[in-house]
Amino acid sequence: EAMNHGSLSICAGLLVRETGRYLFEARVAD
């Protein structure tokens, strides 16, 4: 996680086997 220009970025690590365009979605709770 890191703060960038007043927003919080949360990155999830992946092991990719198939090259391509990926779409992800998630929810955030306070």
ModelCIF file with pLDDT and N, C-alpha, C, O atoms, coordinates in Angstrom:
data_MODEL
#
_entry.id   MODEL 
#
_entity.id                         1 
_entity.type                       polymer 
_entity.pdbx_number_of_molecules   1 
#
_entity_poly.entity_id                      1 
_entity_poly.type                           'polypeptide(L)' 
_entity_poly.nstd_linkage                   no 
_entity_poly.nstd_monomer                   no 
_entity_poly.pdbx_seq_one_letter_code       EAMNHGSLSICAGLLVRETGRYLFEARVAD 
_entity_poly.pdbx_seq_one_letter_code_can   EAMNHGSLSICAGLLVRETGRYLFEARVAD 
_entity_poly.pdbx_strand_id                 A 
#
loop_
_entity_poly_seq.entity_id 
_entity_poly_seq.num 
_entity_poly_seq.mon_id 
_entity_poly_seq.hetero 
1 1  GLU n 
1 2  ALA n 
1 3  MET n 
1 4  ASN n 
1 5  HIS n 
1 6  GLY n 
1 7  SER n 
1 8  LEU n 
1 9  SER n 
1 10 ILE n 
1 11 CYS n 
1 12 ALA n 
1 13 GLY n 
1 14 LEU n 
1 15 LEU n 
1 16 VAL n 
1 17 ARG n 
1 18 GLU n 
1 19 THR n 
1 20 GLY n 
1 21 ARG n 
1 22 TYR n 
1 23 LEU n 
1 24 PHE n 
1 25 GLU n 
1 26 ALA n 
1 27 ARG n 
1 28 VAL n 
1 29 ALA n 
1 30 ASP n 
#
_struct_asym.id          A 
_struct_asym.entity_id   1 
#
loop_
_ma_qa_metric.id 
_ma_qa_metric.mode 
_ma_qa_metric.name 
_ma_qa_metric.software_group_id 
_ma_qa_metric.type 
1 global pLDDT . pLDDT 
2 local  pLDDT . pLDDT 
#
_ma_qa_metric_global.metric_id      1 
_ma_qa_metric_global.metric_value   97.37 
_ma_qa_metric_global.model_id       1 
_ma_qa_metric_global.ordinal_id     1 
#
loop_
_ma_qa_metric_local.label_asym_id 
_ma_qa_metric_local.label_comp_id 
_ma_qa_metric_local.label_seq_id 
_ma_qa_metric_local.metric_id 
_ma_qa_metric_local.metric_value 
_ma_qa_metric_local.model_id 
_ma_qa_metric_local.ordinal_id 
A GLU 1  2 98.00 1 1  
A ALA 2  2 97.00 1 2  
A MET 3  2 97.00 1 3  
A ASN 4  2 95.00 1 4  
A HIS 5  2 95.00 1 5  
A GLY 6  2 97.00 1 6  
A SER 7  2 98.00 1 7  
A LEU 8  2 98.00 1 8  
A SER 9  2 98.00 1 9  
A ILE 10 2 98.00 1 10 
A CYS 11 2 98.00 1 11 
A ALA 12 2 98.00 1 12 
A GLY 13 2 98.00 1 13 
A LEU 14 2 98.00 1 14 
A LEU 15 2 98.00 1 15 
A VAL 16 2 98.00 1 16 
A ARG 17 2 97.00 1 17 
A GLU 18 2 97.00 1 18 
A THR 19 2 97.00 1 19 
A GLY 20 2 97.00 1 20 
A ARG 21 2 98.00 1 21 
A TYR 22 2 98.00 1 22 
A LEU 23 2 98.00 1 23 
A PHE 24 2 98.00 1 24 
A GLU 25 2 97.00 1 25 
A ALA 26 2 97.00 1 26 
A ARG 27 2 97.00 1 27 
A VAL 28 2 97.00 1 28 
A ALA 29 2 97.00 1 29 
A ASP 30 2 97.00 1 30 
#
loop_
_atom_site.group_PDB 
_atom_site.id 
_atom_site.type_symbol 
_atom_site.label_atom_id 
_atom_site.label_alt_id 
_atom_site.label_comp_id 
_atom_site.label_asym_id 
_atom_site.label_entity_id 
_atom_site.label_seq_id 
_atom_site.pdbx_PDB_ins_code 
_atom_site.Cartn_x 
_atom_site.Cartn_y 
_atom_site.Cartn_z 
_atom_site.occupancy 
_atom_site.B_iso_or_equiv 
_atom_site.pdbx_formal_charge 
_atom_site.auth_seq_id 
_atom_site.auth_comp_id 
_atom_site.auth_asym_id 
_atom_site.auth_atom_id 
_atom_site.pdbx_PDB_model_num 
ATOM 1   N N  . GLU A 1 1  ? 0.851   -1.197  0.000   1.00 98.00 ? 1  GLU A N  1 
ATOM 2   C CA . GLU A 1 1  ? 0.000   0.000   0.000   1.00 98.00 ? 1  GLU A CA 1 
ATOM 3   C C  . GLU A 1 1  ? 0.882   1.240   0.000   1.00 98.00 ? 1  GLU A C  1 
ATOM 4   O O  . GLU A 1 1  ? 2.004   1.224   0.508   1.00 98.00 ? 1  GLU A O  1 
ATOM 5   N N  . ALA A 1 2  ? 0.355   2.317   -0.579  1.00 97.00 ? 2  ALA A N  1 
ATOM 6   C CA . ALA A 1 2  ? 1.121   3.559   -0.639  1.00 97.00 ? 2  ALA A CA 1 
ATOM 7   C C  . ALA A 1 2  ? 0.179   4.719   -0.885  1.00 97.00 ? 2  ALA A C  1 
ATOM 8   O O  . ALA A 1 2  ? -0.809  4.582   -1.606  1.00 97.00 ? 2  ALA A O  1 
ATOM 9   N N  . MET A 1 3  ? 0.488   5.877   -0.281  1.00 97.00 ? 3  MET A N  1 
ATOM 10  C CA . MET A 1 3  ? -0.265  7.099   -0.543  1.00 97.00 ? 3  MET A CA 1 
ATOM 11  C C  . MET A 1 3  ? 0.352   7.801   -1.745  1.00 97.00 ? 3  MET A C  1 
ATOM 12  O O  . MET A 1 3  ? 1.561   8.025   -1.790  1.00 97.00 ? 3  MET A O  1 
ATOM 13  N N  . ASN A 1 4  ? -0.487  8.147   -2.718  1.00 95.00 ? 4  ASN A N  1 
ATOM 14  C CA . ASN A 1 4  ? -0.028  8.845   -3.917  1.00 95.00 ? 4  ASN A CA 1 
ATOM 15  C C  . ASN A 1 4  ? -0.975  9.997   -4.211  1.00 95.00 ? 4  ASN A C  1 
ATOM 16  O O  . ASN A 1 4  ? -2.140  9.789   -4.552  1.00 95.00 ? 4  ASN A O  1 
ATOM 17  N N  . HIS A 1 5  ? -0.454  11.230  -4.073  1.00 95.00 ? 5  HIS A N  1 
ATOM 18  C CA . HIS A 1 5  ? -1.229  12.425  -4.393  1.00 95.00 ? 5  HIS A CA 1 
ATOM 19  C C  . HIS A 1 5  ? -2.573  12.458  -3.664  1.00 95.00 ? 5  HIS A C  1 
ATOM 20  O O  . HIS A 1 5  ? -3.593  12.820  -4.250  1.00 95.00 ? 5  HIS A O  1 
ATOM 21  N N  . GLY A 1 6  ? -2.569  12.084  -2.403  1.00 97.00 ? 6  GLY A N  1 
ATOM 22  C CA . GLY A 1 6  ? -3.768  12.176  -1.581  1.00 97.00 ? 6  GLY A CA 1 
ATOM 23  C C  . GLY A 1 6  ? -4.750  11.041  -1.738  1.00 97.00 ? 6  GLY A C  1 
ATOM 24  O O  . GLY A 1 6  ? -5.866  11.129  -1.226  1.00 97.00 ? 6  GLY A O  1 
ATOM 25  N N  . SER A 1 7  ? -4.373  9.960   -2.436  1.00 98.00 ? 7  SER A N  1 
ATOM 26  C CA . SER A 1 7  ? -5.208  8.764   -2.579  1.00 98.00 ? 7  SER A CA 1 
ATOM 27  C C  . SER A 1 7  ? -4.387  7.548   -2.149  1.00 98.00 ? 7  SER A C  1 
ATOM 28  O O  . SER A 1 7  ? -3.158  7.563   -2.211  1.00 98.00 ? 7  SER A O  1 
ATOM 29  N N  . LEU A 1 8  ? -5.082  6.497   -1.712  1.00 98.00 ? 8  LEU A N  1 
ATOM 30  C CA . LEU A 1 8  ? -4.415  5.301   -1.225  1.00 98.00 ? 8  LEU A CA 1 
ATOM 31  C C  . LEU A 1 8  ? -4.472  4.201   -2.279  1.00 98.00 ? 8  LEU A C  1 
ATOM 32  O O  . LEU A 1 8  ? -5.544  3.829   -2.757  1.00 98.00 ? 8  LEU A O  1 
ATOM 33  N N  . SER A 1 9  ? -3.299  3.694   -2.628  1.00 98.00 ? 9  SER A N  1 
ATOM 34  C CA . SER A 1 9  ? -3.202  2.603   -3.596  1.00 98.00 ? 9  SER A CA 1 
ATOM 35  C C  . SER A 1 9  ? -2.924  1.302   -2.857  1.00 98.00 ? 9  SER A C  1 
ATOM 36  O O  . SER A 1 9  ? -2.004  1.230   -2.042  1.00 98.00 ? 9  SER A O  1 
ATOM 37  N N  . ILE A 1 10 ? -3.725  0.263   -3.144  1.00 98.00 ? 10 ILE A N  1 
ATOM 38  C CA . ILE A 1 10 ? -3.559  -1.061  -2.546  1.00 98.00 ? 10 ILE A CA 1 
ATOM 39  C C  . ILE A 1 10 ? -3.320  -2.044  -3.687  1.00 98.00 ? 10 ILE A C  1 
ATOM 40  O O  . ILE A 1 10 ? -4.171  -2.209  -4.561  1.00 98.00 ? 10 ILE A O  1 
ATOM 41  N N  . CYS A 1 11 ? -2.157  -2.698  -3.676  1.00 98.00 ? 11 CYS A N  1 
ATOM 42  C CA . CYS A 1 11 ? -1.780  -3.593  -4.771  1.00 98.00 ? 11 CYS A CA 1 
ATOM 43  C C  . CYS A 1 11 ? -1.737  -5.043  -4.296  1.00 98.00 ? 11 CYS A C  1 
ATOM 44  O O  . CYS A 1 11 ? -1.152  -5.350  -3.258  1.00 98.00 ? 11 CYS A O  1 
ATOM 45  N N  . ALA A 1 12 ? -2.363  -5.928  -5.069  1.00 98.00 ? 12 ALA A N  1 
ATOM 46  C CA . ALA A 1 12 ? -2.374  -7.364  -4.778  1.00 98.00 ? 12 ALA A CA 1 
ATOM 47  C C  . ALA A 1 12 ? -1.427  -8.063  -5.737  1.00 98.00 ? 12 ALA A C  1 
ATOM 48  O O  . ALA A 1 12 ? -1.541  -7.902  -6.952  1.00 98.00 ? 12 ALA A O  1 
ATOM 49  N N  . GLY A 1 13 ? -0.482  -8.847  -5.196  1.00 98.00 ? 13 GLY A N  1 
ATOM 50  C CA . GLY A 1 13 ? 0.475   -9.553  -6.023  1.00 98.00 ? 13 GLY A CA 1 
ATOM 51  C C  . GLY A 1 13 ? -0.145  -10.696 -6.796  1.00 98.00 ? 13 GLY A C  1 
ATOM 52  O O  . GLY A 1 13 ? -1.078  -11.342 -6.318  1.00 98.00 ? 13 GLY A O  1 
ATOM 53  N N  . LEU A 1 14 ? 0.372   -10.951 -7.999  1.00 98.00 ? 14 LEU A N  1 
ATOM 54  C CA . LEU A 1 14 ? -0.147  -11.999 -8.870  1.00 98.00 ? 14 LEU A CA 1 
ATOM 55  C C  . LEU A 1 14 ? 0.997   -12.796 -9.490  1.00 98.00 ? 14 LEU A C  1 
ATOM 56  O O  . LEU A 1 14 ? 2.098   -12.284 -9.696  1.00 98.00 ? 14 LEU A O  1 
ATOM 57  N N  . LEU A 1 15 ? 0.712   -14.037 -9.775  1.00 98.00 ? 15 LEU A N  1 
ATOM 58  C CA . LEU A 1 15 ? 1.572   -14.847 -10.619 1.00 98.00 ? 15 LEU A CA 1 
ATOM 59  C C  . LEU A 1 15 ? 0.787   -15.090 -11.904 1.00 98.00 ? 15 LEU A C  1 
ATOM 60  O O  . LEU A 1 15 ? -0.207  -15.815 -11.907 1.00 98.00 ? 15 LEU A O  1 
ATOM 61  N N  . VAL A 1 16 ? 1.247   -14.473 -12.999 1.00 98.00 ? 16 VAL A N  1 
ATOM 62  C CA . VAL A 1 16 ? 0.503   -14.468 -14.256 1.00 98.00 ? 16 VAL A CA 1 
ATOM 63  C C  . VAL A 1 16 ? 1.027   -15.565 -15.174 1.00 98.00 ? 16 VAL A C  1 
ATOM 64  O O  . VAL A 1 16 ? 2.230   -15.666 -15.415 1.00 98.00 ? 16 VAL A O  1 
ATOM 65  N N  . ARG A 1 17 ? 0.122   -16.373 -15.677 1.00 97.00 ? 17 ARG A N  1 
ATOM 66  C CA . ARG A 1 17 ? 0.477   -17.433 -16.614 1.00 97.00 ? 17 ARG A CA 1 
ATOM 67  C C  . ARG A 1 17 ? 0.045   -17.102 -18.036 1.00 97.00 ? 17 ARG A C  1 
ATOM 68  O O  . ARG A 1 17 ? 0.640   -17.580 -19.002 1.00 97.00 ? 17 ARG A O  1 
ATOM 69  N N  . GLU A 1 18 ? -0.995  -16.279 -18.156 1.00 97.00 ? 18 GLU A N  1 
ATOM 70  C CA . GLU A 1 18 ? -1.570  -15.977 -19.468 1.00 97.00 ? 18 GLU A CA 1 
ATOM 71  C C  . GLU A 1 18 ? -1.513  -14.474 -19.710 1.00 97.00 ? 18 GLU A C  1 
ATOM 72  O O  . GLU A 1 18 ? -2.157  -13.703 -18.999 1.00 97.00 ? 18 GLU A O  1 
ATOM 73  N N  . THR A 1 19 ? -0.750  -14.063 -20.702 1.00 97.00 ? 19 THR A N  1 
ATOM 74  C CA . THR A 1 19 ? -0.622  -12.642 -21.036 1.00 97.00 ? 19 THR A CA 1 
ATOM 75  C C  . THR A 1 19 ? -1.949  -12.104 -21.574 1.00 97.00 ? 19 THR A C  1 
ATOM 76  O O  . THR A 1 19 ? -2.619  -12.769 -22.364 1.00 97.00 ? 19 THR A O  1 
ATOM 77  N N  . GLY A 1 20 ? -2.321  -10.906 -21.147 1.00 97.00 ? 20 GLY A N  1 
ATOM 78  C CA . GLY A 1 20 ? -3.550  -10.314 -21.660 1.00 97.00 ? 20 GLY A CA 1 
ATOM 79  C C  . GLY A 1 20 ? -4.039  -9.150  -20.819 1.00 97.00 ? 20 GLY A C  1 
ATOM 80  O O  . GLY A 1 20 ? -3.366  -8.689  -19.897 1.00 97.00 ? 20 GLY A O  1 
ATOM 81  N N  . ARG A 1 21 ? -5.229  -8.693  -21.166 1.00 98.00 ? 21 ARG A N  1 
ATOM 82  C CA . ARG A 1 21 ? -5.875  -7.589  -20.450 1.00 98.00 ? 21 ARG A CA 1 
ATOM 83  C C  . ARG A 1 21 ? -6.716  -8.172  -19.320 1.00 98.00 ? 21 ARG A C  1 
ATOM 84  O O  . ARG A 1 21 ? -7.625  -8.967  -19.556 1.00 98.00 ? 21 ARG A O  1 
ATOM 85  N N  . TYR A 1 22 ? -6.403  -7.769  -18.091 1.00 98.00 ? 22 TYR A N  1 
ATOM 86  C CA . TYR A 1 22 ? -7.089  -8.281  -16.913 1.00 98.00 ? 22 TYR A CA 1 
ATOM 87  C C  . TYR A 1 22 ? -7.994  -7.209  -16.310 1.00 98.00 ? 22 TYR A C  1 
ATOM 88  O O  . TYR A 1 22 ? -7.645  -6.029  -16.262 1.00 98.00 ? 22 TYR A O  1 
ATOM 89  N N  . LEU A 1 23 ? -9.148  -7.645  -15.857 1.00 98.00 ? 23 LEU A N  1 
ATOM 90  C CA . LEU A 1 23 ? -10.095 -6.775  -15.173 1.00 98.00 ? 23 LEU A CA 1 
ATOM 91  C C  . LEU A 1 23 ? -10.329 -7.331  -13.774 1.00 98.00 ? 23 LEU A C  1 
ATOM 92  O O  . LEU A 1 23 ? -10.655 -8.506  -13.606 1.00 98.00 ? 23 LEU A O  1 
ATOM 93  N N  . PHE A 1 24 ? -10.159 -6.472  -12.775 1.00 98.00 ? 24 PHE A N  1 
ATOM 94  C CA . PHE A 1 24 ? -10.338 -6.871  -11.387 1.00 98.00 ? 24 PHE A CA 1 
ATOM 95  C C  . PHE A 1 24 ? -11.336 -5.924  -10.717 1.00 98.00 ? 24 PHE A C  1 
ATOM 96  O O  . PHE A 1 24 ? -11.501 -4.778  -11.134 1.00 98.00 ? 24 PHE A O  1 
ATOM 97  N N  . GLU A 1 25 ? -11.996 -6.426  -9.672  1.00 97.00 ? 25 GLU A N  1 
ATOM 98  C CA . GLU A 1 25 ? -12.870 -5.583  -8.865  1.00 97.00 ? 25 GLU A CA 1 
ATOM 99  C C  . GLU A 1 25 ? -12.810 -6.032  -7.414  1.00 97.00 ? 25 GLU A C  1 
ATOM 100 O O  . GLU A 1 25 ? -12.553 -7.198  -7.116  1.00 97.00 ? 25 GLU A O  1 
ATOM 101 N N  . ALA A 1 26 ? -13.052 -5.083  -6.520  1.00 97.00 ? 26 ALA A N  1 
ATOM 102 C CA . ALA A 1 26 ? -13.017 -5.375  -5.089  1.00 97.00 ? 26 ALA A CA 1 
ATOM 103 C C  . ALA A 1 26 ? -13.886 -4.364  -4.365  1.00 97.00 ? 26 ALA A C  1 
ATOM 104 O O  . ALA A 1 26 ? -14.342 -3.382  -4.950  1.00 97.00 ? 26 ALA A O  1 
ATOM 105 N N  . ARG A 1 27 ? -14.106 -4.616  -3.094  1.00 97.00 ? 27 ARG A N  1 
ATOM 106 C CA . ARG A 1 27 ? -14.894 -3.718  -2.246  1.00 97.00 ? 27 ARG A CA 1 
ATOM 107 C C  . ARG A 1 27 ? -13.994 -3.236  -1.115  1.00 97.00 ? 27 ARG A C  1 
ATOM 108 O O  . ARG A 1 27 ? -13.032 -3.910  -0.748  1.00 97.00 ? 27 ARG A O  1 
ATOM 109 N N  . VAL A 1 28 ? -14.309 -2.067  -0.566  1.00 97.00 ? 28 VAL A N  1 
ATOM 110 C CA . VAL A 1 28 ? -13.515 -1.524  0.538   1.00 97.00 ? 28 VAL A CA 1 
ATOM 111 C C  . VAL A 1 28 ? -14.455 -1.130  1.666   1.00 97.00 ? 28 VAL A C  1 
ATOM 112 O O  . VAL A 1 28 ? -15.449 -0.438  1.445   1.00 97.00 ? 28 VAL A O  1 
ATOM 113 N N  . ALA A 1 29 ? -14.133 -1.579  2.886   1.00 97.00 ? 29 ALA A N  1 
ATOM 114 C CA . ALA A 1 29 ? -14.902 -1.232  4.084   1.00 97.00 ? 29 ALA A CA 1 
ATOM 115 C C  . ALA A 1 29 ? -14.070 -0.324  4.969   1.00 97.00 ? 29 ALA A C  1 
ATOM 116 O O  . ALA A 1 29 ? -12.841 -0.381  4.956   1.00 97.00 ? 29 ALA A O  1 
ATOM 117 N N  . ASP A 1 30 ? -14.765 0.532   5.755   1.00 97.00 ? 30 ASP A N  1 
ATOM 118 C CA . ASP A 1 30 ? -14.067 1.425   6.669   1.00 97.00 ? 30 ASP A CA 1 
ATOM 119 C C  . ASP A 1 30 ? -13.861 0.744   8.016   1.00 97.00 ? 30 ASP A C  1 
ATOM 120 O O  . ASP A 1 30 ? -13.287 1.340   8.927   1.00 97.00 ? 30 ASP A O  1 
#
